[in-house]
Amino acid sequence: MKNAYKSIFVLLIMGSLMACKDEVKTENSENEDVSGVVKEDEERRLLVANELDYSSPTTDMKGYIVHSKLTEGRRPGIIVIHEWWGHNDYVRKRADMLADLGYTALAIDMYGNGKQAKHSLDAGSFSSEVMSNMPVAKARFEAALEALKKDPTVDTNNIAVIGYCFGGSVALTMADAGYNLKGAAAFHSGVKLPIMPNDQLKARILVCNGADDPFIKNEDVVTYKSALDSLDVDYKYIEYPGATHGFTSKASDSLGKKFDLPLAYNLDADEQSWEELKSMLKLSFQ
């Protein structure tokens, strides 16, 4: 009988220990989840973000400007230009990421009034209207540039521009137009531009495209790189194997299916191109 009681007692102790272990594991799991949320909330609180209304002589525009509290004093400013879909959450996310790096970023509005395309045909129409009218495009870009420079956190001598898709083409075009920019970066961007590289170009150039992007013709790439080679400018043109159009945006998969377009997110190309941008910006602002 004593042995029976002893066995029951041992079983009870072992059961209690296992329960405690499970409880500790559960608590640790909950703590990990909570800490992740807290970390995200803390990062969000470190960013100072504001809506920014600005205008050109003909267009009212809606931007988003953001900087980090962790960076003191004036810091380089970066203009971020949206895809052909218009000024949306994606371009704001990229602005936040730049602010986390210590820059002040302004996600701009090249269509006016925060207009967004709900269909790819609208996106094509909106982007063509801008790219086919350089006086209007330049006026809108200049208005954004001046709005960024007015921000008290910005070092007005150190400005760069980046853009995605349509925005990449705008970024490269404005650099070619001779604006005083330290750097210009484009992602999944066309390079057959309204203003091609010329002796007015001052910026360091980075172009990150997908090697399998059907929107970017090889002859256009050759022409663009030849124009850059003829100038005394620093540039880097990268093609990512297996990447197609829109490779930096996670929304590309669903948008590609919805509108039957060759769009797809590519994690490796996205991460690698972001690292390239970080390096390019450091070199540009030296």
Protein backbone atom coordinates (compact mmCIF):
# COMPACT_ATOMS: atom_id res chain seq x y z
CA MET A 1 0.00 0.00 0.00
CA LYS A 2 2.87 2.36 0.82
CA ASN A 3 4.35 1.66 -2.61
CA ALA A 4 1.00 2.48 -4.24
CA TYR A 5 0.76 5.81 -2.37
CA LYS A 6 4.37 6.55 -3.26
CA SER A 7 3.69 5.93 -6.96
CA ILE A 8 0.60 8.18 -6.90
CA PHE A 9 2.61 10.91 -5.17
CA VAL A 10 5.37 10.72 -7.79
CA LEU A 11 2.84 10.90 -10.59
CA LEU A 12 1.22 13.97 -9.02
CA ILE A 13 4.60 15.71 -8.67
CA MET A 14 5.51 14.94 -12.29
CA GLY A 15 2.13 16.20 -13.46
CA SER A 16 2.59 19.43 -11.54
CA LEU A 17 6.04 19.96 -13.01
CA MET A 18 4.79 19.41 -16.55
CA ALA A 19 1.91 21.82 -15.96
CA CYS A 20 4.32 24.44 -14.64
CA LYS A 21 6.56 23.94 -17.65
CA ASP A 22 3.63 24.39 -20.03
CA GLU A 23 2.51 27.46 -18.12
CA VAL A 24 5.97 29.00 -18.32
CA LYS A 25 6.14 28.20 -22.04
CA THR A 26 2.74 29.80 -22.58
CA GLU A 27 3.76 32.88 -20.62
CA ASN A 28 6.98 33.17 -22.59
CA SER A 29 5.10 32.86 -25.87
CA GLU A 30 2.66 35.54 -24.78
CA ASN A 31 5.53 37.77 -23.68
CA GLU A 32 7.24 37.33 -27.05
CA ASP A 33 4.07 38.32 -28.88
CA VAL A 34 3.49 41.31 -26.63
CA SER A 35 7.10 42.46 -26.88
CA GLY A 36 6.80 42.38 -30.65
CA VAL A 37 3.74 44.58 -30.54
CA VAL A 38 5.37 46.90 -28.01
CA LYS A 39 8.49 47.19 -30.19
CA GLU A 40 6.37 48.07 -33.21
CA ASP A 41 4.42 50.63 -31.19
CA GLU A 42 7.64 52.13 -29.87
CA GLU A 43 9.06 52.46 -33.38
CA ARG A 44 5.85 54.11 -34.50
CA ARG A 45 5.98 56.57 -31.62
CA LEU A 46 9.55 57.51 -32.56
CA LEU A 47 8.36 58.77 -35.93
CA VAL A 48 6.86 62.23 -36.33
CA ALA A 49 4.55 62.06 -39.35
CA ASN A 50 2.22 64.69 -40.77
CA GLU A 51 -0.03 65.23 -43.73
CA LEU A 52 1.36 68.04 -45.89
CA ASP A 53 -0.72 70.06 -48.32
CA TYR A 54 1.29 71.96 -50.92
CA SER A 55 0.64 73.30 -54.40
CA SER A 56 2.08 74.25 -57.76
CA PRO A 57 0.59 77.14 -59.77
CA THR A 58 -2.03 74.78 -61.25
CA THR A 59 -2.35 71.86 -58.84
CA ASP A 60 -3.13 71.23 -55.17
CA MET A 61 -1.25 68.22 -53.84
CA LYS A 62 -1.36 66.05 -50.73
CA GLY A 63 1.90 64.76 -49.29
CA TYR A 64 3.12 62.89 -46.23
CA ILE A 65 6.26 64.00 -44.39
CA VAL A 66 8.00 62.02 -41.67
CA HIS A 67 11.18 62.04 -39.56
CA SER A 68 12.52 60.22 -36.52
CA LYS A 69 12.91 61.69 -33.03
CA LEU A 70 16.13 59.72 -32.64
CA THR A 71 17.98 61.92 -35.14
CA GLU A 72 18.94 65.33 -33.82
CA GLY A 73 19.30 68.53 -35.81
CA ARG A 74 19.02 68.83 -39.56
CA ARG A 75 19.38 65.75 -41.69
CA PRO A 76 19.20 64.93 -45.43
CA GLY A 77 15.78 65.09 -47.03
CA ILE A 78 14.43 62.54 -49.48
CA ILE A 79 11.52 62.87 -51.89
CA VAL A 80 9.65 59.59 -52.43
CA ILE A 81 7.56 59.28 -55.60
CA HIS A 82 4.69 56.83 -55.89
CA GLU A 83 3.98 54.11 -58.44
CA TRP A 84 1.49 54.72 -61.22
CA TRP A 85 -1.31 53.78 -58.79
CA GLY A 86 -0.90 57.16 -57.07
CA HIS A 87 -0.03 58.36 -53.58
CA ASN A 88 -1.01 55.44 -51.33
CA ASP A 89 0.01 53.55 -48.20
CA TYR A 90 2.90 51.86 -49.98
CA VAL A 91 4.78 55.08 -50.73
CA ARG A 92 4.14 56.21 -47.15
CA LYS A 93 5.60 52.96 -45.85
CA ARG A 94 8.79 53.63 -47.82
CA ALA A 95 8.91 57.15 -46.39
CA ASP A 96 8.65 55.68 -42.87
CA MET A 97 11.49 53.28 -43.64
CA LEU A 98 13.69 56.17 -44.74
CA ALA A 99 12.80 58.09 -41.57
CA ASP A 100 13.90 55.06 -39.55
CA LEU A 101 17.28 55.41 -41.26
CA GLY A 102 17.61 58.98 -40.01
CA TYR A 103 16.33 60.96 -42.98
CA THR A 104 13.34 63.25 -43.37
CA ALA A 105 11.18 61.79 -46.14
CA LEU A 106 8.38 63.40 -48.10
CA ALA A 107 6.06 61.08 -50.00
CA ILE A 108 4.75 63.35 -52.74
CA ASP A 109 1.69 63.49 -54.95
CA MET A 110 2.37 63.82 -58.68
CA TYR A 111 -1.29 63.49 -59.73
CA GLY A 112 -2.83 66.16 -57.52
CA ASN A 113 -5.44 66.06 -54.77
CA GLY A 114 -4.17 62.66 -53.64
CA LYS A 115 -5.74 61.03 -56.70
CA GLN A 116 -5.36 57.25 -56.90
CA ALA A 117 -6.04 54.87 -59.77
CA LYS A 118 -8.59 52.14 -59.15
CA HIS A 119 -7.84 50.39 -62.43
CA SER A 120 -4.64 49.83 -64.38
CA LEU A 121 -6.11 51.72 -67.35
CA ASP A 122 -6.60 54.75 -65.10
CA ALA A 123 -3.05 54.35 -63.77
CA GLY A 124 -1.69 54.34 -67.29
CA SER A 125 -3.71 57.40 -68.18
CA PHE A 126 -2.72 59.37 -65.06
CA SER A 127 0.98 58.59 -65.45
CA SER A 128 0.99 59.40 -69.18
CA GLU A 129 -0.61 62.77 -68.52
CA VAL A 130 2.29 63.68 -66.25
CA MET A 131 5.15 62.27 -68.32
CA SER A 132 3.87 63.84 -71.54
CA ASN A 133 3.71 67.32 -70.00
CA MET A 134 7.12 68.20 -68.63
CA PRO A 135 6.28 71.80 -67.62
CA VAL A 136 3.49 70.50 -65.38
CA ALA A 137 5.57 67.59 -64.07
CA LYS A 138 8.50 69.87 -63.23
CA ALA A 139 6.23 72.41 -61.53
CA ARG A 140 4.75 69.69 -59.32
CA PHE A 141 8.18 68.32 -58.49
CA GLU A 142 9.52 71.80 -57.72
CA ALA A 143 6.59 72.44 -55.37
CA ALA A 144 7.39 69.21 -53.50
CA LEU A 145 11.08 70.09 -53.39
CA GLU A 146 10.35 73.49 -51.86
CA ALA A 147 7.91 71.98 -49.37
CA LEU A 148 10.57 69.52 -48.22
CA LYS A 149 13.20 72.24 -47.88
CA LYS A 150 10.89 74.29 -45.65
CA ASP A 151 10.78 71.54 -43.05
CA PRO A 152 13.00 72.58 -40.10
CA THR A 153 14.56 69.11 -39.82
CA VAL A 154 15.95 69.15 -43.36
CA ASP A 155 19.48 69.97 -44.46
CA THR A 156 18.61 71.81 -47.68
CA ASN A 157 22.05 71.12 -49.14
CA ASN A 158 21.49 67.38 -49.03
CA ILE A 159 18.42 66.30 -50.97
CA ALA A 160 17.81 63.06 -52.87
CA VAL A 161 14.86 61.52 -54.69
CA ILE A 162 13.67 57.94 -55.05
CA GLY A 163 10.75 56.49 -56.92
CA TYR A 164 8.95 53.30 -57.84
CA CYS A 165 7.63 52.33 -61.27
CA PHE A 166 6.25 55.62 -62.69
CA GLY A 167 7.85 57.37 -59.72
CA GLY A 168 11.23 55.95 -60.63
CA SER A 169 10.96 57.41 -64.12
CA VAL A 170 10.01 60.76 -62.63
CA ALA A 171 12.95 60.62 -60.21
CA LEU A 172 15.44 59.90 -63.00
CA THR A 173 13.89 62.52 -65.28
CA MET A 174 14.09 65.23 -62.62
CA ALA A 175 17.72 64.34 -61.95
CA ASP A 176 18.38 64.63 -65.70
CA ALA A 177 16.60 67.99 -65.68
CA GLY A 178 19.45 69.34 -63.56
CA TYR A 179 17.85 69.81 -60.16
CA ASN A 180 20.34 70.08 -57.32
CA LEU A 181 20.00 66.52 -56.06
CA LYS A 182 22.70 64.46 -54.39
CA GLY A 183 21.18 61.18 -55.48
CA ALA A 184 18.35 59.66 -57.51
CA ALA A 185 17.19 56.05 -57.21
CA ALA A 186 14.61 54.18 -59.25
CA PHE A 187 13.02 50.78 -58.72
CA HIS A 188 11.28 48.74 -61.44
CA SER A 189 11.44 51.88 -63.54
CA GLY A 190 11.35 52.63 -67.22
CA VAL A 191 14.50 54.29 -68.56
CA LYS A 192 13.19 55.67 -71.85
CA LEU A 193 12.76 59.13 -70.36
CA PRO A 194 11.38 62.48 -71.51
CA ILE A 195 14.73 63.99 -70.50
CA MET A 196 17.67 61.65 -70.95
CA PRO A 197 20.98 61.93 -69.05
CA ASN A 198 22.91 65.03 -70.10
CA ASP A 199 25.57 67.39 -68.79
CA GLN A 200 23.03 68.98 -66.40
CA LEU A 201 22.88 65.77 -64.33
CA LYS A 202 24.42 66.28 -60.87
CA ALA A 203 23.08 63.30 -58.91
CA ARG A 204 24.54 59.89 -58.18
CA ILE A 205 22.24 57.37 -59.91
CA LEU A 206 20.92 53.99 -58.80
CA VAL A 207 18.54 51.92 -60.93
CA CYS A 208 17.24 48.59 -59.61
CA ASN A 209 15.17 46.65 -62.14
CA GLY A 210 13.98 43.11 -62.64
CA ALA A 211 15.82 41.12 -65.29
CA ASP A 212 12.47 39.60 -66.33
CA ASP A 213 10.51 42.86 -66.46
CA PRO A 214 8.71 42.90 -69.85
CA PHE A 215 7.98 46.62 -69.53
CA ILE A 216 11.68 47.48 -69.79
CA LYS A 217 13.16 46.90 -73.24
CA ASN A 218 16.79 45.91 -73.54
CA GLU A 219 17.46 48.53 -76.22
CA ASP A 220 16.18 51.23 -73.86
CA VAL A 221 18.55 50.02 -71.14
CA VAL A 222 21.48 50.07 -73.58
CA THR A 223 20.61 53.61 -74.68
CA TYR A 224 20.21 54.84 -71.11
CA LYS A 225 23.47 53.32 -69.87
CA SER A 226 25.31 54.64 -72.92
CA ALA A 227 24.08 58.14 -72.11
CA LEU A 228 25.33 57.78 -68.54
CA ASP A 229 28.65 56.36 -69.70
CA SER A 230 29.22 59.48 -71.77
CA LEU A 231 29.04 61.64 -68.65
CA ASP A 232 31.24 62.03 -65.60
CA VAL A 233 28.63 60.70 -63.16
CA ASP A 234 28.55 57.85 -60.65
CA TYR A 235 25.83 55.33 -61.40
CA LYS A 236 24.86 51.75 -60.77
CA TYR A 237 22.39 49.80 -62.88
CA ILE A 238 21.29 46.47 -61.40
CA GLU A 239 19.08 43.74 -62.85
CA TYR A 240 17.77 41.05 -60.50
CA PRO A 241 17.39 37.59 -62.07
CA GLY A 242 13.88 36.21 -61.79
CA ALA A 243 12.37 39.55 -60.77
CA THR A 244 9.65 41.17 -62.83
CA HIS A 245 7.77 44.45 -62.55
CA GLY A 246 6.71 45.72 -59.13
CA PHE A 247 9.10 43.43 -57.26
CA THR A 248 9.36 45.71 -54.19
CA SER A 249 5.63 45.80 -53.43
CA LYS A 250 3.77 42.95 -51.73
CA ALA A 251 0.58 44.19 -53.37
CA SER A 252 1.99 43.33 -56.80
CA ASP A 253 0.86 39.69 -56.64
CA SER A 254 -2.80 40.53 -56.15
CA LEU A 255 -2.74 43.50 -58.53
CA GLY A 256 -1.07 41.41 -61.20
CA LYS A 257 -3.81 38.79 -60.96
CA LYS A 258 -6.58 41.36 -60.80
CA PHE A 259 -5.53 43.25 -63.92
CA ASP A 260 -3.68 40.44 -65.74
CA LEU A 261 -0.34 42.23 -65.57
CA PRO A 262 3.21 40.83 -65.17
CA LEU A 263 3.54 42.06 -61.58
CA ALA A 264 5.04 40.00 -58.75
CA TYR A 265 6.68 40.61 -55.40
CA ASN A 266 10.21 39.23 -55.04
CA LEU A 267 11.56 39.15 -51.50
CA ASP A 268 15.23 38.74 -52.41
CA ALA A 269 15.18 41.54 -54.98
CA ASP A 270 13.24 43.77 -52.60
CA GLU A 271 15.70 43.31 -49.75
CA GLN A 272 18.80 43.50 -51.93
CA SER A 273 17.64 46.67 -53.69
CA TRP A 274 16.87 48.32 -50.35
CA GLU A 275 20.41 47.59 -49.18
CA GLU A 276 21.70 49.09 -52.42
CA LEU A 277 19.66 52.22 -51.74
CA LYS A 278 21.04 52.53 -48.22
CA SER A 279 24.59 52.33 -49.55
CA MET A 280 23.89 54.80 -52.34
CA LEU A 281 22.39 57.36 -49.95
CA LYS A 282 25.39 57.15 -47.62
CA LEU A 283 27.73 57.79 -50.52
CA SER A 284 25.54 60.60 -51.87
CA PHE A 285 25.50 62.49 -48.58
CA GLN A 286 29.21 62.16 -47.74
